[in-house]
Amino acid sequence: MQPTPEIQQALRGAELRVTRQRAAVLAAVLAHPHADTDTVLRAVRDELPGVSHQAVYDSLHTLTGAGLVRRIQPAGSVSRYEARTGDNHHHVVCRSCGSVADVDCAVGAAPCLTPSEDHGFVIDEAEVVFWGTCGACGAARPT
């Protein structure tokens, strides 16, 4: 399957060569926000059955370095990938099932939070993870 024009344009706009693997990985991340590597690999193999695990890892690394993909890793969780980049949003994670959802920035533009002390750093981003129980897990709990 040929990469969509939007994916080709995104790759070229990031000054990356358009390869079938990169296009398939980016498409998988777009289709599965907050996916772990195994989920991305399964989605890519639906399009490219012979793709290696290493090729997916390499593509994720390249896409992350180019700013097309963001890698997040909530405490105690595997790395997850999303295509929502550059807006300094945050995440909420279910303590029970591990599902992840986006939470818009708490206040204004990046970094959207001001630390009590910057220790001489020029701060350009704040990463916040909210923890709780998702609606599905909460509904499954006995009362």
Protein backbone atom coordinates (compact mmCIF):
# COMPACT_ATOMS: atom_id res chain seq x y z
CA MET A 1 0.00 0.00 0.00
CA GLN A 2 1.26 3.46 -0.88
CA PRO A 3 1.67 6.03 1.91
CA THR A 4 -1.03 8.69 1.95
CA PRO A 5 -0.10 12.13 0.60
CA GLU A 6 -0.45 13.53 4.14
CA ILE A 7 2.06 11.05 5.55
CA GLN A 8 4.44 11.62 2.66
CA GLN A 9 4.19 15.38 3.20
CA ALA A 10 4.78 15.01 6.98
CA LEU A 11 7.89 12.90 6.40
CA ARG A 12 9.27 15.23 3.76
CA GLY A 13 8.42 18.26 5.88
CA ALA A 14 10.58 16.78 8.63
CA GLU A 15 13.35 16.30 6.04
CA LEU A 16 13.03 12.52 6.19
CA ARG A 17 13.15 10.15 3.27
CA VAL A 18 9.79 8.54 2.64
CA THR A 19 10.16 4.80 3.19
CA ARG A 20 7.43 2.20 3.44
CA GLN A 21 8.48 1.37 7.02
CA ARG A 22 8.46 4.98 8.22
CA ALA A 23 5.14 5.67 6.53
CA ALA A 24 3.58 2.53 8.01
CA VAL A 25 4.89 3.32 11.50
CA LEU A 26 3.63 6.90 11.35
CA ALA A 27 0.25 5.68 10.09
CA ALA A 28 0.09 3.15 12.95
CA VAL A 29 0.87 5.81 15.56
CA LEU A 30 -1.75 8.12 14.05
CA ALA A 31 -4.32 5.31 14.13
CA HIS A 32 -3.45 4.13 17.65
CA PRO A 33 -2.66 7.07 19.96
CA HIS A 34 -0.64 6.08 23.05
CA ALA A 35 0.22 2.70 21.52
CA ASP A 36 3.09 0.65 22.89
CA THR A 37 5.74 -0.76 20.56
CA ASP A 38 4.02 -4.14 20.26
CA THR A 39 0.77 -2.50 19.17
CA VAL A 40 2.63 -0.40 16.60
CA LEU A 41 4.47 -3.51 15.37
CA ARG A 42 1.21 -5.47 14.92
CA ALA A 43 -0.39 -2.57 13.03
CA VAL A 44 2.66 -2.16 10.78
CA ARG A 45 2.76 -5.90 10.07
CA ASP A 46 -0.84 -5.70 8.87
CA GLU A 47 0.53 -3.51 6.06
CA LEU A 48 4.06 -4.91 5.77
CA PRO A 49 4.05 -8.52 7.00
CA GLY A 50 7.81 -8.96 6.67
CA VAL A 51 8.88 -5.88 8.63
CA SER A 52 11.30 -6.60 11.46
CA HIS A 53 10.90 -5.53 15.05
CA GLN A 54 14.18 -3.60 14.70
CA ALA A 55 12.89 -1.68 11.66
CA VAL A 56 9.87 -0.54 13.70
CA TYR A 57 12.10 0.48 16.62
CA ASP A 58 14.42 2.36 14.27
CA SER A 59 11.49 4.12 12.60
CA LEU A 60 9.98 5.10 15.96
CA HIS A 61 13.35 6.49 17.02
CA THR A 62 13.73 8.44 13.77
CA LEU A 63 10.17 9.79 13.85
CA THR A 64 10.59 10.81 17.50
CA GLY A 65 13.88 12.56 16.75
CA ALA A 66 12.23 14.42 13.87
CA GLY A 67 9.38 15.59 16.11
CA LEU A 68 6.65 13.72 14.23
CA VAL A 69 6.07 11.32 17.12
CA ARG A 70 6.25 11.82 20.87
CA ARG A 71 7.42 9.08 23.22
CA ILE A 72 5.88 9.00 26.68
CA GLN A 73 6.61 6.59 29.49
CA PRO A 74 4.39 6.90 32.54
CA ALA A 75 6.01 5.48 35.69
CA GLY A 76 5.88 1.69 35.72
CA SER A 77 4.72 1.55 32.10
CA VAL A 78 6.29 0.66 28.79
CA SER A 79 7.05 3.39 26.27
CA ARG A 80 4.06 4.62 24.32
CA TYR A 81 3.91 6.75 21.20
CA GLU A 82 1.60 9.45 19.94
CA ALA A 83 1.49 11.80 16.99
CA ARG A 84 0.17 14.76 18.98
CA THR A 85 3.36 16.77 19.33
CA GLY A 86 4.43 20.32 20.05
CA ASP A 87 1.51 21.44 22.17
CA ASN A 88 2.78 20.48 25.65
CA HIS A 89 -0.35 18.53 26.57
CA HIS A 90 -0.42 16.10 29.48
CA HIS A 91 -1.82 12.62 30.15
CA VAL A 92 -4.11 10.79 32.52
CA VAL A 93 -3.34 7.10 33.18
CA CYS A 94 -5.64 4.46 34.65
CA ARG A 95 -3.99 2.70 37.59
CA SER A 96 -6.00 -0.43 36.87
CA CYS A 97 -5.84 -1.11 33.11
CA GLY A 98 -3.10 1.33 32.04
CA SER A 99 -5.20 3.18 29.47
CA VAL A 100 -3.91 6.65 28.62
CA ALA A 101 -5.81 9.74 27.53
CA ASP A 102 -4.73 13.27 26.60
CA VAL A 103 -5.32 16.20 28.94
CA ASP A 104 -4.93 19.69 27.49
CA CYS A 105 -2.39 21.99 29.10
CA ALA A 106 -3.45 23.12 32.55
CA VAL A 107 -3.00 26.86 31.92
CA GLY A 108 -2.18 28.74 28.74
CA ALA A 109 0.75 27.90 26.46
CA ALA A 110 3.87 25.83 27.07
CA PRO A 111 5.25 25.27 29.60
CA CYS A 112 1.81 26.06 31.14
CA LEU A 113 3.08 25.55 34.69
CA THR A 114 5.61 27.62 36.57
CA PRO A 115 7.93 25.84 38.99
CA SER A 116 8.64 27.35 42.38
CA GLU A 117 12.36 27.32 41.48
CA ASP A 118 13.94 27.06 38.03
CA HIS A 119 17.54 26.47 39.26
CA GLY A 120 18.85 28.55 36.35
CA PHE A 121 17.12 26.46 33.68
CA VAL A 122 15.24 28.00 30.78
CA ILE A 123 12.09 25.90 31.02
CA ASP A 124 10.16 25.27 27.81
CA GLU A 125 7.97 22.29 28.67
CA ALA A 126 6.13 20.77 31.61
CA GLU A 127 5.24 17.09 31.72
CA VAL A 128 2.40 16.17 34.03
CA VAL A 129 0.84 12.74 34.46
CA PHE A 130 -2.48 12.49 36.23
CA TRP A 131 -3.31 9.09 37.74
CA GLY A 132 -6.71 7.62 38.52
CA THR A 133 -9.22 5.00 37.48
CA CYS A 134 -10.90 5.11 34.08
CA GLY A 135 -14.66 4.91 33.78
CA ALA A 136 -14.62 1.29 32.53
CA CYS A 137 -12.49 0.08 35.44
CA GLY A 138 -14.50 2.13 37.94
CA ALA A 139 -17.74 0.64 36.64
CA ALA A 140 -16.29 -2.89 36.92
CA ARG A 141 -15.48 -2.48 40.63
CA PRO A 142 -17.94 -4.09 43.03
CA THR A 143 -19.77 -1.59 45.20
